[in-house]
Structures are given as C-alpha cells and as structure tokens.
PDB file of N, CA and C in Angstrom:
ATOM      1  N   MET A   1       6.976  -1.714 -77.426  1.00  0.00           N
ATOM      2  CA  MET A   1       7.448  -0.416 -78.013  1.00  0.00           C
ATOM      3  C   MET A   1       8.428   0.731 -77.344  1.00  0.00           C
ATOM      4  N   ARG A   2       8.838   1.293 -78.882  1.00  0.00           N
ATOM      5  CA  ARG A   2       9.627   1.446 -77.616  1.00  0.00           C
ATOM      6  C   ARG A   2       9.779   4.393 -78.696  1.00  0.00           C
ATOM      7  N   ILE A   3       9.390   4.696 -77.776  1.00  0.00           N
ATOM      8  CA  ILE A   3       9.745   5.594 -78.178  1.00  0.00           C
ATOM      9  C   ILE A   3      10.533   6.696 -77.779  1.00  0.00           C
ATOM     10  N   MET A   4      11.490   6.920 -78.957  1.00  0.00           N
ATOM     11  CA  MET A   4      12.212   7.977 -78.957  1.00  0.00           C
ATOM     12  C   MET A   4      12.455   9.337 -79.176  1.00  0.00           C
ATOM     13  N   VAL A   5      12.941  10.390 -79.012  1.00  0.00           N
ATOM     14  CA  VAL A   5      12.667  12.146 -78.965  1.00  0.00           C
ATOM     15  C   VAL A   5      13.988  12.131 -78.739  1.00  0.00           C
ATOM     16  N   PHE A   6      13.776  12.505 -80.046  1.00  0.00           N
ATOM     17  CA  PHE A   6      15.686  13.861 -80.681  1.00  0.00           C
ATOM     18  C   PHE A   6      15.224  14.921 -80.428  1.00  0.00           C
ATOM     19  N   PHE A   7      15.892  15.938 -80.335  1.00  0.00           N
ATOM     20  CA  PHE A   7      16.171  17.220 -80.337  1.00  0.00           C
ATOM     21  C   PHE A   7      17.039  17.836 -79.576  1.00  0.00           C
ATOM     22  N   ASP A   8      16.618  19.806 -80.600  1.00  0.00           N
ATOM     23  CA  ASP A   8      18.486  20.437 -80.690  1.00  0.00           C
ATOM     24  C   ASP A   8      16.898  21.732 -80.139  1.00  0.00           C
ATOM     25  N   LEU A   9      18.078  22.096 -78.816  1.00  0.00           N
ATOM     26  CA  LEU A   9      17.224  23.103 -78.973  1.00  0.00           C
ATOM     27  C   LEU A   9      18.444  24.360 -79.036  1.00  0.00           C
ATOM     28  N   PRO A  10      18.418  25.738 -78.407  1.00  0.00           N
ATOM     29  CA  PRO A  10      19.390  26.640 -78.790  1.00  0.00           C
ATOM     30  C   PRO A  10      20.056  27.118 -76.912  1.00  0.00           C
ATOM     31  N   THR A  11      20.653  27.166 -77.065  1.00  0.00           N
ATOM     32  CA  THR A  11      21.120  27.618 -75.184  1.00  0.00           C
ATOM     33  C   THR A  11      21.646  29.083 -75.138  1.00  0.00           C
ATOM     34  N   ILE A  12      21.876  29.705 -76.110  1.00  0.00           N
ATOM     35  CA  ILE A  12      22.612  31.045 -76.586  1.00  0.00           C
ATOM     36  C   ILE A  12      21.804  32.044 -75.277  1.00  0.00           C
ATOM     37  N   THR A  13      20.384  31.810 -75.393  1.00  0.00           N
ATOM     38  CA  THR A  13      20.568  33.027 -74.028  1.00  0.00           C
ATOM     39  C   THR A  13      19.852  31.873 -72.551  1.00  0.00           C
ATOM     40  N   LEU A  14      19.988  32.811 -71.146  1.00  0.00           N
ATOM     41  CA  LEU A  14      19.013  32.937 -69.882  1.00  0.00           C
ATOM     42  C   LEU A  14      17.828  32.089 -70.482  1.00  0.00           C
ATOM     43  N   ASP A  15      17.034  32.821 -70.969  1.00  0.00           N
ATOM     44  CA  ASP A  15      15.964  31.792 -70.841  1.00  0.00           C
ATOM     45  C   ASP A  15      15.680  30.376 -71.301  1.00  0.00           C
ATOM     46  N   ASP A  16      16.470  30.865 -73.012  1.00  0.00           N
ATOM     47  CA  ASP A  16      16.854  28.805 -73.825  1.00  0.00           C
ATOM     48  C   ASP A  16      17.582  27.865 -72.895  1.00  0.00           C
ATOM     49  N   LYS A  17      18.851  28.794 -72.379  1.00  0.00           N
ATOM     50  CA  LYS A  17      19.213  27.129 -71.649  1.00  0.00           C
ATOM     51  C   LYS A  17      17.951  27.039 -69.761  1.00  0.00           C
ATOM     52  N   ARG A  18      16.347  27.647 -69.790  1.00  0.00           N
ATOM     53  CA  ARG A  18      16.164  27.098 -68.686  1.00  0.00           C
ATOM     54  C   ARG A  18      15.418  26.060 -68.769  1.00  0.00           C
ATOM     55  N   GLU A  19      14.538  26.716 -70.343  1.00  0.00           N
ATOM     56  CA  GLU A  19      13.872  25.937 -71.212  1.00  0.00           C
ATOM     57  C   GLU A  19      14.325  24.469 -71.737  1.00  0.00           C
ATOM     58  N   TYR A  20      16.228  24.556 -72.209  1.00  0.00           N
ATOM     59  CA  TYR A  20      16.258  23.237 -72.169  1.00  0.00           C
ATOM     60  C   TYR A  20      16.748  22.285 -70.789  1.00  0.00           C
ATOM     61  N   ARG A  21      16.956  23.451 -69.557  1.00  0.00           N
ATOM     62  CA  ARG A  21      16.825  22.389 -68.319  1.00  0.00           C
ATOM     63  C   ARG A  21      15.462  21.710 -68.448  1.00  0.00           C
ATOM     64  N   LYS A  22      14.731  22.188 -68.008  1.00  0.00           N
ATOM     65  CA  LYS A  22      12.930  21.986 -67.561  1.00  0.00           C
ATOM     66  C   LYS A  22      12.757  20.889 -68.724  1.00  0.00           C
ATOM     67  N   PHE A  23      12.540  21.136 -70.393  1.00  0.00           N
ATOM     68  CA  PHE A  23      12.539  19.517 -71.117  1.00  0.00           C
ATOM     69  C   PHE A  23      12.911  18.343 -70.855  1.00  0.00           C
ATOM     70  N   ARG A  24      14.824  18.754 -70.312  1.00  0.00           N
ATOM     71  CA  ARG A  24      15.281  16.856 -70.603  1.00  0.00           C
ATOM     72  C   ARG A  24      14.552  17.076 -68.997  1.00  0.00           C
ATOM     73  N   LYS A  25      14.621  17.900 -67.705  1.00  0.00           N
ATOM     74  CA  LYS A  25      14.193  17.200 -65.823  1.00  0.00           C
ATOM     75  C   LYS A  25      12.384  16.570 -66.537  1.00  0.00           C
ATOM     76  N   PHE A  26      11.934  16.925 -67.402  1.00  0.00           N
ATOM     77  CA  PHE A  26      10.529  17.023 -67.452  1.00  0.00           C
ATOM     78  C   PHE A  26      11.028  15.048 -68.542  1.00  0.00           C
ATOM     79  N   LEU A  27      11.940  15.233 -69.642  1.00  0.00           N
ATOM     80  CA  LEU A  27      11.720  13.691 -70.311  1.00  0.00           C
ATOM     81  C   LEU A  27      12.571  13.323 -68.931  1.00  0.00           C
ATOM     82  N   ILE A  28      13.487  12.562 -68.414  1.00  0.00           N
ATOM     83  CA  ILE A  28      13.983  12.057 -67.241  1.00  0.00           C
ATOM     84  C   ILE A  28      13.218  11.707 -65.743  1.00  0.00           C
ATOM     85  N   LYS A  29      12.238  12.429 -65.987  1.00  0.00           N
ATOM     86  CA  LYS A  29      11.001  12.052 -65.032  1.00  0.00           C
ATOM     87  C   LYS A  29       9.864  11.538 -65.434  1.00  0.00           C
ATOM     88  N   ALA A  30       9.431  11.470 -66.459  1.00  0.00           N
ATOM     89  CA  ALA A  30       8.733  10.779 -67.200  1.00  0.00           C
ATOM     90  C   ALA A  30       9.324   9.216 -67.593  1.00  0.00           C
ATOM     91  N   GLY A  31      10.434   9.260 -67.696  1.00  0.00           N
ATOM     92  CA  GLY A  31      11.651   7.480 -67.239  1.00  0.00           C
ATOM     93  C   GLY A  31      12.012   7.468 -68.663  1.00  0.00           C
ATOM     94  N   PHE A  32      12.461   9.050 -69.111  1.00  0.00           N
ATOM     95  CA  PHE A  32      13.706   8.664 -70.750  1.00  0.00           C
ATOM     96  C   PHE A  32      14.719   8.048 -70.027  1.00  0.00           C
ATOM     97  N   ILE A  33      15.054   7.310 -70.732  1.00  0.00           N
ATOM     98  CA  ILE A  33      16.871   7.183 -70.848  1.00  0.00           C
ATOM     99  C   ILE A  33      18.129   7.379 -71.749  1.00  0.00           C
ATOM    100  N   MET A  34      18.786   8.489 -70.847  1.00  0.00           N
ATOM    101  CA  MET A  34      19.236   9.036 -71.821  1.00  0.00           C
ATOM    102  C   MET A  34      20.715   8.263 -72.947  1.00  0.00           C
ATOM    103  N   ILE A  35      19.963   8.412 -74.479  1.00  0.00           N
ATOM    104  CA  ILE A  35      20.843   7.277 -75.046  1.00  0.00           C
ATOM    105  C   ILE A  35      22.060   8.573 -75.751  1.00  0.00           C
ATOM    106  N   GLN A  36      22.392   9.768 -75.739  1.00  0.00           N
ATOM    107  CA  GLN A  36      22.822  10.067 -76.694  1.00  0.00           C
ATOM    108  C   GLN A  36      22.363  11.475 -76.577  1.00  0.00           C
ATOM    109  N   GLU A  37      24.064  12.994 -76.347  1.00  0.00           N
ATOM    110  CA  GLU A  37      23.020  13.815 -75.852  1.00  0.00           C
ATOM    111  C   GLU A  37      21.973  13.965 -76.828  1.00  0.00           C
ATOM    112  N   SER A  38      20.853  14.988 -76.274  1.00  0.00           N
ATOM    113  CA  SER A  38      19.479  14.856 -76.663  1.00  0.00           C
ATOM    114  C   SER A  38      19.498  14.247 -78.047  1.00  0.00           C
ATOM    115  N   VAL A  39      18.847  12.654 -77.361  1.00  0.00           N
ATOM    116  CA  VAL A  39      18.622  12.141 -77.313  1.00  0.00           C
ATOM    117  C   VAL A  39      18.332  10.995 -77.175  1.00  0.00           C
ATOM    118  N   TYR A  40      17.173  10.798 -76.233  1.00  0.00           N
ATOM    119  CA  TYR A  40      16.194  10.043 -74.808  1.00  0.00           C
ATOM    120  C   TYR A  40      15.746   8.907 -75.235  1.00  0.00           C
ATOM    121  N   SER A  41      14.806   7.469 -75.098  1.00  0.00           N
ATOM    122  CA  SER A  41      14.332   6.715 -75.434  1.00  0.00           C
ATOM    123  C   SER A  41      13.514   6.019 -73.886  1.00  0.00           C
ATOM    124  N   LYS A  42      11.989   5.213 -74.128  1.00  0.00           N
ATOM    125  CA  LYS A  42      12.049   4.924 -73.614  1.00  0.00           C
ATOM    126  C   LYS A  42      11.156   3.791 -73.500  1.00  0.00           C
ATOM    127  N   LEU A  43      10.840   2.216 -73.046  1.00  0.00           N
ATOM    128  CA  LEU A  43      10.015   1.693 -73.245  1.00  0.00           C
ATOM    129  C   LEU A  43       8.254   1.971 -72.922  1.00  0.00           C
ATOM    130  N   VAL A  44       7.064   1.062 -73.437  1.00  0.00           N
ATOM    131  CA  VAL A  44       5.760   1.576 -73.539  1.00  0.00           C
ATOM    132  C   VAL A  44       5.671   0.558 -73.758  1.00  0.00           C
ATOM    133  N   LEU A  45       4.395  -0.577 -73.689  1.00  0.00           N
ATOM    134  CA  LEU A  45       3.972  -1.134 -73.009  1.00  0.00           C
ATOM    135  C   LEU A  45       2.958  -1.767 -74.919  1.00  0.00           C
ATOM    136  N   ASN A  46       2.043  -0.224 -75.026  1.00  0.00           N
ATOM    137  CA  ASN A  46       1.251  -0.648 -76.144  1.00  0.00           C
ATOM    138  C   ASN A  46       1.620   1.059 -76.843  1.00  0.00           C
ATOM    139  N   SER A  47       1.019   1.112 -77.675  1.00  0.00           N
ATOM    140  CA  SER A  47       0.097   2.304 -78.559  1.00  0.00           C
ATOM    141  C   SER A  47      -0.718   2.983 -77.765  1.00  0.00           C
ATOM    142  N   THR A  48      -1.636   2.583 -76.842  1.00  0.00           N
ATOM    143  CA  THR A  48      -2.388   3.922 -76.256  1.00  0.00           C
ATOM    144  C   THR A  48      -1.176   4.698 -75.261  1.00  0.00           C
ATOM    145  N   VAL A  49      -0.407   3.392 -74.394  1.00  0.00           N
ATOM    146  CA  VAL A  49       0.331   4.233 -72.890  1.00  0.00           C
ATOM    147  C   VAL A  49       1.402   4.662 -74.533  1.00  0.00           C
ATOM    148  N   ALA A  50       1.895   4.693 -75.591  1.00  0.00           N
ATOM    149  CA  ALA A  50       2.904   5.339 -76.206  1.00  0.00           C
ATOM    150  C   ALA A  50       2.136   6.801 -76.704  1.00  0.00           C
ATOM    151  N   ASN A  51       0.954   6.894 -76.655  1.00  0.00           N
ATOM    152  CA  ASN A  51       0.198   8.261 -78.030  1.00  0.00           C
ATOM    153  C   ASN A  51       0.004   9.065 -76.414  1.00  0.00           C
ATOM    154  N   ILE A  52      -0.407   8.628 -75.270  1.00  0.00           N
ATOM    155  CA  ILE A  52      -0.488   9.108 -73.908  1.00  0.00           C
ATOM    156  C   ILE A  52       0.718  10.464 -73.457  1.00  0.00           C
ATOM    157  N   LEU A  53       1.712  10.117 -74.301  1.00  0.00           N
ATOM    158  CA  LEU A  53       3.523   9.844 -72.878  1.00  0.00           C
ATOM    159  C   LEU A  53       3.487  10.860 -74.090  1.00  0.00           C
ATOM    160  N   ILE A  54       3.315  10.736 -76.164  1.00  0.00           N
ATOM    161  CA  ILE A  54       3.615  11.711 -77.244  1.00  0.00           C
ATOM    162  C   ILE A  54       3.033  13.172 -76.413  1.00  0.00           C
ATOM    163  N   ASP A  55       1.351  12.490 -76.073  1.00  0.00           N
ATOM    164  CA  ASP A  55       0.684  13.469 -76.219  1.00  0.00           C
ATOM    165  C   ASP A  55       1.927  14.250 -74.770  1.00  0.00           C
ATOM    166  N   ASN A  56       1.993  13.358 -73.799  1.00  0.00           N
ATOM    167  CA  ASN A  56       2.812  15.061 -72.414  1.00  0.00           C
ATOM    168  C   ASN A  56       3.714  15.163 -73.157  1.00  0.00           C
ATOM    169  N   VAL A  57       4.873  15.171 -73.783  1.00  0.00           N
ATOM    170  CA  VAL A  57       5.801  15.195 -74.192  1.00  0.00           C
ATOM    171  C   VAL A  57       5.086  16.556 -75.522  1.00  0.00           C
ATOM    172  N   ARG A  58       4.113  16.275 -76.456  1.00  0.00           N
ATOM    173  CA  ARG A  58       2.872  17.601 -77.043  1.00  0.00           C
ATOM    174  C   ARG A  58       3.421  19.074 -75.808  1.00  0.00           C
ATOM    175  N   LYS A  59       2.383  18.415 -74.965  1.00  0.00           N
ATOM    176  CA  LYS A  59       2.597  19.949 -74.108  1.00  0.00           C
ATOM    177  C   LYS A  59       3.834  19.934 -72.910  1.00  0.00           C
ATOM    178  N   HIS A  60       5.077  19.539 -72.855  1.00  0.00           N
ATOM    179  CA  HIS A  60       5.806  19.804 -72.397  1.00  0.00           C
ATOM    180  C   HIS A  60       7.012  20.888 -73.287  1.00  0.00           C
ATOM    181  N   LYS A  61       6.628  21.299 -74.178  1.00  0.00           N
ATOM    182  CA  LYS A  61       7.756  21.184 -76.151  1.00  0.00           C
ATOM    183  C   LYS A  61       8.229  22.500 -75.494  1.00  0.00           C
ATOM    184  N   PRO A  62       9.889  23.173 -75.787  1.00  0.00           N
ATOM    185  CA  PRO A  62       9.717  24.119 -75.210  1.00  0.00           C
ATOM    186  C   PRO A  62       9.403  24.681 -76.830  1.00  0.00           C
ATOM    187  N   THR A  63       9.487  26.024 -76.354  1.00  0.00           N
ATOM    188  CA  THR A  63       9.031  27.466 -77.348  1.00  0.00           C
ATOM    189  C   THR A  63       9.454  27.387 -78.511  1.00  0.00           C
ATOM    190  N   SER A  64      10.467  26.864 -78.595  1.00  0.00           N
ATOM    191  CA  SER A  64      12.078  27.264 -79.413  1.00  0.00           C
ATOM    192  C   SER A  64      12.674  25.642 -80.103  1.00  0.00           C
ATOM    193  N   GLY A  65      13.779  25.400 -81.141  1.00  0.00           N
ATOM    194  CA  GLY A  65      14.137  24.004 -81.644  1.00  0.00           C
ATOM    195  C   GLY A  65      13.253  23.323 -82.013  1.00  0.00           C
ATOM    196  N   LEU A  66      13.667  22.849 -82.646  1.00  0.00           N
ATOM    197  CA  LEU A  66      13.851  21.222 -82.418  1.00  0.00           C
ATOM    198  C   LEU A  66      13.713  19.837 -81.770  1.00  0.00           C
ATOM    199  N   VAL A  67      12.527  19.990 -81.406  1.00  0.00           N
ATOM    200  CA  VAL A  67      11.868  18.165 -80.934  1.00  0.00           C
ATOM    201  C   VAL A  67      11.170  16.395 -82.267  1.00  0.00           C
ATOM    202  N   GLN A  68      11.625  16.163 -82.288  1.00  0.00           N
ATOM    203  CA  GLN A  68      11.278  14.825 -82.517  1.00  0.00           C
ATOM    204  C   GLN A  68      10.586  13.919 -81.749  1.00  0.00           C
ATOM    205  N   LEU A  69       9.617  13.733 -82.562  1.00  0.00           N
ATOM    206  CA  LEU A  69       9.649  11.689 -82.221  1.00  0.00           C
ATOM    207  C   LEU A  69       8.969  10.757 -83.153  1.00  0.00           C
ATOM    208  N   LEU A  70       9.693   9.400 -82.615  1.00  0.00           N
ATOM    209  CA  LEU A  70       9.892   8.365 -83.600  1.00  0.00           C
ATOM    210  C   LEU A  70       9.432   6.799 -82.236  1.00  0.00           C
ATOM    211  N   MET A  71       7.686   6.988 -82.880  1.00  0.00           N
ATOM    212  CA  MET A  71       8.022   5.102 -82.448  1.00  0.00           C
ATOM    213  C   MET A  71       8.297   4.295 -83.129  1.00  0.00           C
ATOM    214  N   ILE A  72       9.424   2.596 -81.881  1.00  0.00           N
ATOM    215  CA  ILE A  72       9.945   1.732 -83.314  1.00  0.00           C
ATOM    216  C   ILE A  72       9.335   0.686 -81.650  1.00  0.00           C
ATOM    217  N   THR A  73       9.303  -0.451 -82.290  1.00  0.00           N
ATOM    218  CA  THR A  73       8.755  -1.932 -81.475  1.00  0.00           C
ATOM    219  C   THR A  73      10.766  -2.053 -81.170  1.00  0.00           C
ATOM    220  N   GLU A  74      10.473  -3.436 -80.315  1.00  0.00           N
ATOM    221  CA  GLU A  74      11.299  -3.260 -79.143  1.00  0.00           C
ATOM    222  C   GLU A  74      12.452  -4.153 -80.744  1.00  0.00           C
ATOM    223  N   LYS A  75      11.534  -5.142 -81.652  1.00  0.00           N
ATOM    224  CA  LYS A  75      12.744  -5.682 -82.238  1.00  0.00           C
ATOM    225  C   LYS A  75      13.179  -5.055 -84.237  1.00  0.00           C
ATOM    226  N   GLN A  76      12.665  -3.376 -84.263  1.00  0.00           N
ATOM    227  CA  GLN A  76      13.897  -2.706 -84.301  1.00  0.00           C
ATOM    228  C   GLN A  76      14.626  -2.522 -84.083  1.00  0.00           C
ATOM    229  N   TYR A  77      14.218  -2.261 -82.292  1.00  0.00           N
ATOM    230  CA  TYR A  77      15.473  -1.595 -81.416  1.00  0.00           C
ATOM    231  C   TYR A  77      16.914  -2.312 -81.056  1.00  0.00           C
ATOM    232  N   GLY A  78      15.966  -3.524 -81.039  1.00  0.00           N
ATOM    233  CA  GLY A  78      17.523  -4.059 -80.604  1.00  0.00           C
ATOM    234  C   GLY A  78      18.084  -4.362 -82.512  1.00  0.00           C
ATOM    235  N   LYS A  79      17.862  -3.340 -82.748  1.00  0.00           N
ATOM    236  CA  LYS A  79      18.625  -4.490 -84.108  1.00  0.00           C
ATOM    237  C   LYS A  79      19.590  -2.913 -84.236  1.00  0.00           C
ATOM    238  N   MET A  80      19.939  -2.639 -82.945  1.00  0.00           N
ATOM    239  CA  MET A  80      20.345  -1.379 -83.564  1.00  0.00           C
ATOM    240  C   MET A  80      22.376  -1.627 -83.461  1.00  0.00           C
ATOM    241  N   GLU A  81      22.869  -1.416 -84.605  1.00  0.00           N
ATOM    242  CA  GLU A  81      23.991  -1.401 -84.787  1.00  0.00           C
ATOM    243  C   GLU A  81      25.402  -0.116 -83.847  1.00  0.00           C
ATOM    244  N   PHE A  82      26.099  -0.937 -83.311  1.00  0.00           N
ATOM    245  CA  PHE A  82      27.084  -0.188 -82.407  1.00  0.00           C
ATOM    246  C   PHE A  82      28.186   0.294 -83.545  1.00  0.00           C
ATOM    247  N   ILE A  83      28.675   1.481 -84.180  1.00  0.00           N
ATOM    248  CA  ILE A  83      29.784   1.523 -85.321  1.00  0.00           C
ATOM    249  C   ILE A  83      30.643   1.359 -84.551  1.00  0.00           C
ATOM    250  N   VAL A  84      30.610   2.789 -83.668  1.00  0.00           N
ATOM    251  CA  VAL A  84      32.255   2.723 -83.225  1.00  0.00           C
ATOM    252  C   VAL A  84      32.225   2.432 -81.300  1.00  0.00           C
ATOM    253  N   GLY A  85      32.912   3.384 -80.493  1.00  0.00           N
ATOM    254  CA  GLY A  85      32.178   2.360 -79.440  1.00  0.00           C
ATOM    255  C   GLY A  85      31.403   1.498 -78.444  1.00  0.00           C
ATOM    256  N   GLU A  86      30.869   1.627 -77.645  1.00  0.00           N
ATOM    257  CA  GLU A  86      30.545   0.403 -76.927  1.00  0.00           C
ATOM    258  C   GLU A  86      29.550   0.985 -76.028  1.00  0.00           C
ATOM    259  N   LYS A  87      28.307   0.144 -75.769  1.00  0.00           N
ATOM    260  CA  LYS A  87      26.783   0.595 -75.141  1.00  0.00           C
ATOM    261  C   LYS A  87      27.923  -0.092 -73.606  1.00  0.00           C
ATOM    262  N   HIS A  88      27.756   1.491 -72.650  1.00  0.00           N
ATOM    263  CA  HIS A  88      27.365   1.045 -71.173  1.00  0.00           C
ATOM    264  C   HIS A  88      26.851   1.931 -70.393  1.00  0.00           C
ATOM    265  N   SER A  89      26.163   1.361 -70.013  1.00  0.00           N
ATOM    266  CA  SER A  89      25.041   1.841 -68.238  1.00  0.00           C
ATOM    267  C   SER A  89      24.218   1.099 -67.065  1.00  0.00           C
ATOM    268  N   ASP A  90      24.253   1.770 -66.009  1.00  0.00           N
ATOM    269  CA  ASP A  90      24.568   1.098 -64.519  1.00  0.00           C
ATOM    270  C   ASP A  90      22.044   0.962 -64.929  1.00  0.00           C
ATOM    271  N   VAL A  91      22.007   1.494 -65.850  1.00  0.00           N
ATOM    272  CA  VAL A  91      20.790   1.359 -65.472  1.00  0.00           C
ATOM    273  C   VAL A  91      19.765  -0.120 -66.460  1.00  0.00           C
ATOM    274  N   VAL A  92      19.693  -0.888 -65.467  1.00  0.00           N
ATOM    275  CA  VAL A  92      18.753  -2.177 -66.631  1.00  0.00           C
ATOM    276  C   VAL A  92      17.890  -1.730 -67.765  1.00  0.00           C
ATOM    277  N   ASP A  93      17.720  -2.167 -68.388  1.00  0.00           N
ATOM    278  CA  ASP A  93      16.924  -1.906 -70.061  1.00  0.00           C
ATOM    279  C   ASP A  93      17.209  -3.109 -70.356  1.00  0.00           C
ATOM    280  N   SER A  94      15.437  -3.107 -70.274  1.00  0.00           N
ATOM    281  CA  SER A  94      15.117  -4.251 -70.793  1.00  0.00           C
ATOM    282  C   SER A  94      13.667  -4.635 -71.524  1.00  0.00           C
ATOM    283  N   ALA A  95      13.654  -5.524 -72.215  1.00  0.00           N
ATOM    284  CA  ALA A  95      12.109  -5.159 -72.542  1.00  0.00           C
ATOM    285  C   ALA A  95      11.138  -6.859 -71.953  1.00  0.00           C
ATOM    286  N   GLU A  96      11.950  -7.090 -70.893  1.00  0.00           N
ATOM    287  CA  GLU A  96      11.452  -8.533 -69.912  1.00  0.00           C
ATOM    288  C   GLU A  96      10.617  -7.575 -68.878  1.00  0.00           C
ATOM    289  N   ARG A  97       9.336  -8.756 -67.946  1.00  0.00           N
ATOM    290  CA  ARG A  97       8.610  -8.364 -67.264  1.00  0.00           C
ATOM    291  C   ARG A  97       8.929  -8.487 -65.679  1.00  0.00           C
ATOM    292  N   VAL A  98      10.175  -9.430 -65.467  1.00  0.00           N
ATOM    293  CA  VAL A  98      11.247  -9.794 -64.377  1.00  0.00           C
ATOM    294  C   VAL A  98      12.214  -9.487 -64.769  1.00  0.00           C
ATOM    295  N   ILE A  99      12.803  -8.846 -63.785  1.00  0.00           N
ATOM    296  CA  ILE A  99      14.365  -8.678 -63.889  1.00  0.00           C
ATOM    297  C   ILE A  99      15.379  -9.602 -62.596  1.00  0.00           C
ATOM    298  N   VAL A 100      15.557 -10.325 -62.877  1.00  0.00           N
ATOM    299  CA  VAL A 100      16.503 -11.120 -60.791  1.00  0.00           C
ATOM    300  C   VAL A 100      17.404 -10.598 -61.835  1.00  0.00           C
ATOM    301  N   ILE A 101      18.652  -9.840 -60.418  1.00  0.00           N
ATOM    302  CA  ILE A 101      19.253  -9.024 -60.526  1.00  0.00           C
ATOM    303  C   ILE A 101      20.192 -10.313 -59.189  1.00  0.00           C
TER     304      ILE A 101
END
C-alpha cells in the first residue's frame, strides 16, 4: 500500500514559512519520498501501519492550509502514467523486500 500526502500551505508570513518547512521535514524524516512539489508518497506494509502513519501525520499537521491523504494499493500506484516528462530518481523505490544493487 501507498500513502500519498498532498498539501498546499501558505508561505506569506515568516510563521507560515516556518510551519511549511517543519511539516516538510517531518514528512522526509517519516520516510516519505517527494513525487512532485507538495506531493509525497510512502510505501507501507499493511493498513495497520498505514493508519498509524496517518495518525502521525495528523499530529504534525500545520495550523493552516490544506493537507490531504490518500491510501492506494501498490497495483494502483504502479498504473501511474507519465504524460509529459519521465521519472528520474536516485532513490530505489520498490515494493520488493530484497533489492540487489
């Protein structure tokens, strides 16, 4: 399963910018990978782990702005189609338990 986080946070005041940076750093420390600007994804093993992660995101939510969560299966995520551009990443992003490099 994948947890996707979409967010649109204000960056007008210094406090807004601080909260934006704090939320973004939380996502990265929690193991999320940036797909696009303000779109992050994380692979989880099952719905129990997903629910714990969602609760953790709720605890670290910013005071203003919009944060959305979406839980999808790996099969649905794999059907993502790139219309323009191509995927390039230095991060190994796979559902396999063992990755041989």
